[in-house]
Amino acid sequence: MMTTARSADSGLAGPGELDRYPYAEAPGGDRVGAPVWDGAGQDLGRVGRRTAGSRGRGLHGQLVQQLGQMIVSGDLGADRPLVPEEIGQRFEVSRTVVRESLRVLEAKGLVSARPNVGTRVRPVSDWNLLDPDIIEWRAFGPQRDDQRRELGELRWMIEPLAARLAAGHGREEVQQRLADMVEIMGHALAQGDSITFSRADAEFHSLLIQLAGNRMLEHLSGIVSAALQVSGGPITGCDRPSEGSLVHHSRIADALAAGDGSGAEAAMRQLLTVHPEVERVVPAPREH
């Protein structure tokens, strides 16, 4: 690990504390000059969770998360140069950590590395917006409202169809697992265990998409999982434990067991429709 001295007022995290890098939440105007490494704002540590790409990966994963959130938030705007040597000095990490982190970000479409040009931030149009990490980073940044709306709209298109298709596939072991998830959610609701409820909820939706028997659709299950996991405000009624949410999950499972595609689709649409206690409306077509 590099231990190059930092300026006292840089606001950068100390060794092993990359999570605490200041994160500017308010979107700014056009920025000029060098990358804003020391932006003022709320602490990244408040996020309180690791994304799938950084969880359990030490400094490498933490740096991916830090740089990813800075890019997605706009703190490091499009076409900004990212100098590996400077990143290593600022975050006190080795060249290997920086190099591997930039490779991960490049795979996500956030940066590009070209000979004689170096590594630069790519525009939003090049990002892999279906990547679970980018979904979560956007959900915590200035684009949080757009991200949650877009996720809700995407789920509205994906899951009712998946429910209809799933009714035509008699995989009893998967259908039994769906019923088990409903039962677990019921026990968790009774005990006020929101964590267990959420985990069973996420597995329920993942299993349902798998049961649909469409491999391309199955590749979109990560989007649904990410939508259920991002915090800071409900996307749909099933994001918070409630009796109504449990009833709709149960109806979906029953319709699937009976081979009732129309019933399963209708029950899923009801689940994705807002419950009275959730301040969210069913996504409606936007005017252009």
Protein backbone atom coordinates (compact mmCIF):
# COMPACT_ATOMS: atom_id res chain seq x y z
CA MET A 1 0.00 0.00 0.00
CA MET A 2 1.30 3.44 -0.86
CA THR A 3 1.53 5.94 1.94
CA THR A 4 2.14 9.16 0.07
CA ALA A 5 1.26 12.13 2.24
CA ARG A 6 -2.05 13.90 1.64
CA SER A 7 -2.88 17.54 2.09
CA ALA A 8 -4.58 18.16 5.41
CA ASP A 9 -7.66 19.69 3.81
CA SER A 10 -8.12 17.22 0.98
CA GLY A 11 -11.06 15.46 2.62
CA LEU A 12 -9.76 12.12 1.40
CA ALA A 13 -10.18 8.92 3.32
CA GLY A 14 -7.34 7.53 5.33
CA PRO A 15 -5.81 4.10 4.70
CA GLY A 16 -8.42 1.37 4.95
CA GLU A 17 -11.26 3.90 5.10
CA LEU A 18 -12.14 4.35 1.46
CA ASP A 19 -15.84 4.14 2.36
CA ARG A 20 -15.62 7.51 4.01
CA TYR A 21 -14.73 9.48 0.93
CA PRO A 22 -16.97 12.59 0.79
CA TYR A 23 -19.75 12.17 -1.73
CA ALA A 24 -21.31 15.29 -3.24
CA GLU A 25 -25.02 14.59 -3.61
CA ALA A 26 -26.17 17.72 -5.35
CA PRO A 27 -25.71 17.64 -9.13
CA GLY A 28 -23.50 20.45 -10.28
CA GLY A 29 -23.06 22.34 -13.49
CA ASP A 30 -20.29 21.80 -16.00
CA ARG A 31 -17.02 21.22 -14.22
CA VAL A 32 -13.66 22.19 -15.61
CA GLY A 33 -10.09 21.40 -14.72
CA ALA A 34 -8.75 18.39 -12.87
CA PRO A 35 -10.96 15.71 -11.34
CA VAL A 36 -12.69 16.80 -8.14
CA TRP A 37 -11.12 14.38 -5.71
CA ASP A 38 -12.08 16.33 -2.60
CA GLY A 39 -15.67 17.33 -3.20
CA ALA A 40 -17.69 18.49 -0.20
CA GLY A 41 -20.85 16.66 0.65
CA GLN A 42 -22.33 13.88 2.67
CA ASP A 43 -20.27 10.92 3.76
CA LEU A 44 -20.27 7.80 1.63
CA GLY A 45 -20.17 5.80 4.83
CA ARG A 46 -23.84 6.57 5.34
CA VAL A 47 -24.69 4.29 2.44
CA GLY A 48 -24.35 1.42 4.87
CA ARG A 49 -23.95 -1.40 2.37
CA ARG A 50 -21.53 -2.86 -0.13
CA THR A 51 -22.58 -3.35 -3.73
CA ALA A 52 -22.31 -6.76 -5.31
CA GLY A 53 -19.12 -5.82 -7.10
CA SER A 54 -17.30 -4.58 -4.01
CA ARG A 55 -18.61 -6.79 -1.24
CA GLY A 56 -15.82 -8.84 0.34
CA ARG A 57 -13.05 -7.66 -1.97
CA GLY A 58 -10.97 -5.44 0.29
CA LEU A 59 -9.24 -2.34 -1.06
CA HIS A 60 -9.85 -3.30 -4.68
CA GLY A 61 -13.62 -3.56 -4.18
CA GLN A 62 -13.71 -0.39 -2.10
CA LEU A 63 -11.87 1.60 -4.75
CA VAL A 64 -14.22 0.30 -7.45
CA GLN A 65 -17.15 1.49 -5.36
CA GLN A 66 -15.59 4.87 -4.60
CA LEU A 67 -14.65 5.70 -8.17
CA GLY A 68 -17.88 4.22 -9.52
CA GLN A 69 -20.02 6.37 -7.26
CA MET A 70 -17.98 9.46 -8.08
CA ILE A 71 -18.49 8.87 -11.81
CA VAL A 72 -22.18 8.05 -11.53
CA SER A 73 -22.79 11.07 -9.29
CA GLY A 74 -21.14 13.39 -11.80
CA ASP A 75 -18.24 14.33 -9.54
CA LEU A 76 -16.03 12.89 -12.25
CA GLY A 77 -17.74 13.99 -15.45
CA ALA A 78 -17.56 12.59 -18.96
CA ASP A 79 -14.17 12.71 -20.67
CA ARG A 80 -12.36 13.42 -17.41
CA PRO A 81 -8.85 11.92 -17.34
CA LEU A 82 -8.16 9.38 -14.62
CA VAL A 83 -4.44 9.20 -13.93
CA PRO A 84 -3.56 5.89 -12.23
CA GLU A 85 -0.56 7.36 -10.43
CA GLU A 86 -2.66 10.16 -8.97
CA ILE A 87 -5.41 7.76 -7.89
CA GLY A 88 -2.84 5.55 -6.16
CA GLN A 89 -1.37 8.50 -4.29
CA ARG A 90 -4.71 10.04 -3.33
CA PHE A 91 -6.22 6.80 -2.04
CA GLU A 92 -2.94 5.30 -0.84
CA VAL A 93 -3.31 2.06 -2.74
CA SER A 94 -0.91 0.14 -4.98
CA ARG A 95 -0.70 0.42 -8.74
CA THR A 96 -2.06 -3.12 -8.99
CA VAL A 97 -5.19 -2.17 -7.02
CA VAL A 98 -5.73 0.89 -9.20
CA ARG A 99 -5.19 -1.04 -12.44
CA GLU A 100 -7.60 -3.83 -11.52
CA SER A 101 -10.21 -1.35 -10.29
CA LEU A 102 -10.11 0.60 -13.54
CA ARG A 103 -10.50 -2.66 -15.48
CA VAL A 104 -13.70 -3.42 -13.57
CA LEU A 105 -15.03 0.08 -14.26
CA GLU A 106 -14.11 -0.30 -17.93
CA ALA A 107 -16.09 -3.55 -18.11
CA LYS A 108 -19.10 -1.64 -16.76
CA GLY A 109 -18.71 0.98 -19.48
CA LEU A 110 -17.85 3.78 -17.05
CA VAL A 111 -14.31 4.42 -18.32
CA SER A 112 -12.26 3.70 -21.41
CA ALA A 113 -8.52 3.19 -21.73
CA ARG A 114 -6.80 3.90 -25.04
CA PRO A 115 -3.15 4.15 -26.06
CA ASN A 116 -1.79 7.70 -26.14
CA VAL A 117 -5.04 8.94 -24.62
CA GLY A 118 -5.10 7.29 -21.21
CA THR A 119 -8.12 6.42 -19.09
CA ARG A 120 -11.10 8.71 -19.32
CA VAL A 121 -14.67 8.75 -17.99
CA ARG A 122 -17.23 7.72 -20.60
CA PRO A 123 -20.61 9.44 -21.16
CA VAL A 124 -23.79 8.02 -19.66
CA SER A 125 -24.84 6.65 -23.04
CA ASP A 126 -21.95 4.17 -22.84
CA TRP A 127 -22.66 2.90 -19.33
CA ASN A 128 -24.09 -0.56 -18.73
CA LEU A 129 -27.17 0.74 -16.95
CA LEU A 130 -28.36 -2.82 -16.27
CA ASP A 131 -25.28 -3.60 -14.19
CA PRO A 132 -26.41 -4.18 -10.56
CA ASP A 133 -23.59 -2.00 -9.19
CA ILE A 134 -24.49 0.92 -11.43
CA ILE A 135 -28.16 0.50 -10.52
CA GLU A 136 -27.27 0.78 -6.84
CA TRP A 137 -24.84 3.66 -7.32
CA ARG A 138 -27.47 5.62 -9.24
CA ALA A 139 -30.00 4.85 -6.51
CA PHE A 140 -27.77 6.57 -3.96
CA GLY A 141 -26.74 9.52 -6.12
CA PRO A 142 -28.34 12.63 -7.58
CA GLN A 143 -30.19 10.44 -10.11
CA ARG A 144 -31.95 8.48 -7.38
CA ASP A 145 -35.48 9.50 -8.38
CA ASP A 146 -34.94 8.70 -12.05
CA GLN A 147 -33.33 5.38 -11.15
CA ARG A 148 -36.20 4.29 -8.94
CA ARG A 149 -38.79 5.35 -11.51
CA GLU A 150 -36.95 3.54 -14.30
CA LEU A 151 -36.61 0.40 -12.20
CA GLY A 152 -40.30 0.46 -11.39
CA GLU A 153 -41.20 0.85 -15.05
CA LEU A 154 -38.85 -1.93 -16.09
CA ARG A 155 -40.26 -4.30 -13.49
CA TRP A 156 -43.75 -3.43 -14.66
CA MET A 157 -42.77 -4.68 -18.12
CA ILE A 158 -40.78 -7.75 -17.02
CA GLU A 159 -42.49 -9.41 -14.08
CA PRO A 160 -46.15 -9.71 -15.16
CA LEU A 161 -44.96 -11.41 -18.36
CA ALA A 162 -42.62 -13.66 -16.36
CA ALA A 163 -45.52 -14.63 -14.09
CA ARG A 164 -47.70 -15.57 -17.10
CA LEU A 165 -44.92 -17.64 -18.67
CA ALA A 166 -44.04 -19.32 -15.38
CA ALA A 167 -47.55 -20.78 -15.10
CA GLY A 168 -46.86 -22.93 -18.13
CA HIS A 169 -43.86 -24.69 -16.64
CA GLY A 170 -44.63 -27.43 -14.13
CA ARG A 171 -41.38 -27.51 -12.21
CA GLU A 172 -42.82 -28.68 -8.94
CA GLU A 173 -39.62 -28.21 -6.93
CA VAL A 174 -39.44 -24.52 -7.93
CA GLN A 175 -43.13 -23.96 -7.27
CA GLN A 176 -42.68 -25.55 -3.85
CA ARG A 177 -39.77 -23.21 -3.22
CA LEU A 178 -42.00 -20.26 -4.10
CA ALA A 179 -44.55 -21.47 -1.57
CA ASP A 180 -41.76 -21.83 0.99
CA MET A 181 -40.71 -18.22 0.40
CA VAL A 182 -44.29 -17.05 0.99
CA GLU A 183 -44.36 -19.00 4.24
CA ILE A 184 -41.04 -17.52 5.35
CA MET A 185 -42.29 -14.03 4.52
CA GLY A 186 -45.38 -14.68 6.62
CA HIS A 187 -43.34 -15.74 9.65
CA ALA A 188 -40.97 -12.80 9.19
CA LEU A 189 -43.87 -10.36 8.97
CA ALA A 190 -45.36 -11.72 12.19
CA GLN A 191 -42.02 -11.34 13.96
CA GLY A 192 -41.23 -7.92 12.53
CA ASP A 193 -38.13 -9.31 10.81
CA SER A 194 -37.79 -7.07 7.78
CA ILE A 195 -34.40 -8.48 6.75
CA THR A 196 -35.64 -12.06 6.46
CA PHE A 197 -38.80 -10.82 4.74
CA SER A 198 -36.73 -8.92 2.15
CA ARG A 199 -34.43 -11.87 1.48
CA ALA A 200 -37.34 -14.24 0.95
CA ASP A 201 -39.02 -11.59 -1.21
CA ALA A 202 -35.94 -11.27 -3.43
CA GLU A 203 -35.63 -15.04 -3.83
CA PHE A 204 -39.33 -15.31 -4.68
CA HIS A 205 -38.99 -12.91 -7.60
CA SER A 206 -35.75 -14.49 -8.79
CA LEU A 207 -37.28 -17.97 -8.75
CA LEU A 208 -40.36 -16.78 -10.61
CA ILE A 209 -38.25 -15.37 -13.45
CA GLN A 210 -36.28 -18.62 -13.60
CA LEU A 211 -39.53 -20.57 -13.78
CA ALA A 212 -40.61 -18.56 -16.83
CA GLY A 213 -38.32 -20.73 -18.96
CA ASN A 214 -36.92 -17.84 -21.01
CA ARG A 215 -33.14 -17.65 -20.75
CA MET A 216 -32.95 -14.08 -22.01
CA LEU A 217 -35.55 -13.02 -19.49
CA GLU A 218 -33.64 -14.88 -16.79
CA HIS A 219 -30.63 -12.68 -17.44
CA LEU A 220 -32.73 -9.73 -16.31
CA SER A 221 -33.33 -11.23 -12.86
CA GLY A 222 -30.39 -9.23 -11.50
CA ILE A 223 -32.30 -6.04 -12.28
CA VAL A 224 -35.21 -7.16 -10.15
CA SER A 225 -32.89 -8.19 -7.32
CA ALA A 226 -31.14 -4.82 -7.46
CA ALA A 227 -34.48 -3.02 -7.46
CA LEU A 228 -35.56 -4.89 -4.33
CA GLN A 229 -32.24 -4.27 -2.57
CA VAL A 230 -31.71 -0.55 -3.09
CA SER A 231 -32.81 1.43 -0.05
CA GLY A 232 -33.77 5.00 0.70
CA GLY A 233 -37.38 4.81 -0.39
CA PRO A 234 -39.85 2.22 -1.66
CA ILE A 235 -40.01 1.35 -5.34
CA THR A 236 -43.12 -0.74 -4.98
CA GLY A 237 -45.32 -2.05 -2.22
CA CYS A 238 -43.29 -5.24 -1.91
CA ASP A 239 -40.24 -3.28 -0.78
CA ARG A 240 -41.61 -3.01 2.74
CA PRO A 241 -43.17 -5.87 4.71
CA SER A 242 -46.95 -5.63 4.76
CA GLU A 243 -49.95 -7.91 4.93
CA GLY A 244 -51.08 -6.74 1.51
CA SER A 245 -47.73 -7.61 -0.05
CA LEU A 246 -47.85 -11.07 1.53
CA VAL A 247 -51.37 -11.69 0.19
CA HIS A 248 -50.35 -10.78 -3.37
CA HIS A 249 -47.26 -13.02 -3.22
CA SER A 250 -49.47 -15.86 -2.01
CA ARG A 251 -51.94 -15.30 -4.86
CA ILE A 252 -49.13 -15.42 -7.40
CA ALA A 253 -47.83 -18.70 -5.97
CA ASP A 254 -51.34 -20.20 -5.94
CA ALA A 255 -52.00 -19.16 -9.55
CA LEU A 256 -48.70 -20.67 -10.67
CA ALA A 257 -49.46 -23.95 -8.90
CA ALA A 258 -52.86 -24.05 -10.68
CA GLY A 259 -51.30 -23.30 -14.06
CA ASP A 260 -53.33 -20.08 -14.28
CA GLY A 261 -51.18 -17.75 -16.37
CA SER A 262 -53.73 -14.93 -16.53
CA GLY A 263 -54.29 -15.10 -12.79
CA ALA A 264 -50.56 -15.06 -12.06
CA GLU A 265 -50.07 -12.07 -14.34
CA ALA A 266 -52.95 -10.18 -12.77
CA ALA A 267 -51.71 -10.92 -9.25
CA MET A 268 -48.23 -9.67 -10.16
CA ARG A 269 -49.67 -6.45 -11.57
CA GLN A 270 -51.56 -5.96 -8.32
CA LEU A 271 -48.37 -6.51 -6.37
CA LEU A 272 -46.53 -3.93 -8.44
CA THR A 273 -49.40 -1.49 -8.05
CA VAL A 274 -49.03 0.87 -5.14
CA HIS A 275 -50.50 -0.02 -1.83
CA PRO A 276 -52.21 2.94 -0.10
CA GLU A 277 -49.43 3.33 2.45
CA VAL A 278 -46.76 3.67 -0.23
CA GLU A 279 -46.48 7.03 -1.94
CA ARG A 280 -45.84 5.71 -5.43
CA VAL A 281 -48.01 5.44 -8.49
CA VAL A 282 -48.08 2.77 -11.14
CA PRO A 283 -45.72 3.91 -13.91
CA ALA A 284 -47.64 5.72 -16.62
CA PRO A 285 -46.51 6.54 -20.16
CA ARG A 286 -44.53 9.75 -20.23
CA GLU A 287 -45.27 12.49 -22.73
CA HIS A 288 -42.45 13.25 -25.13
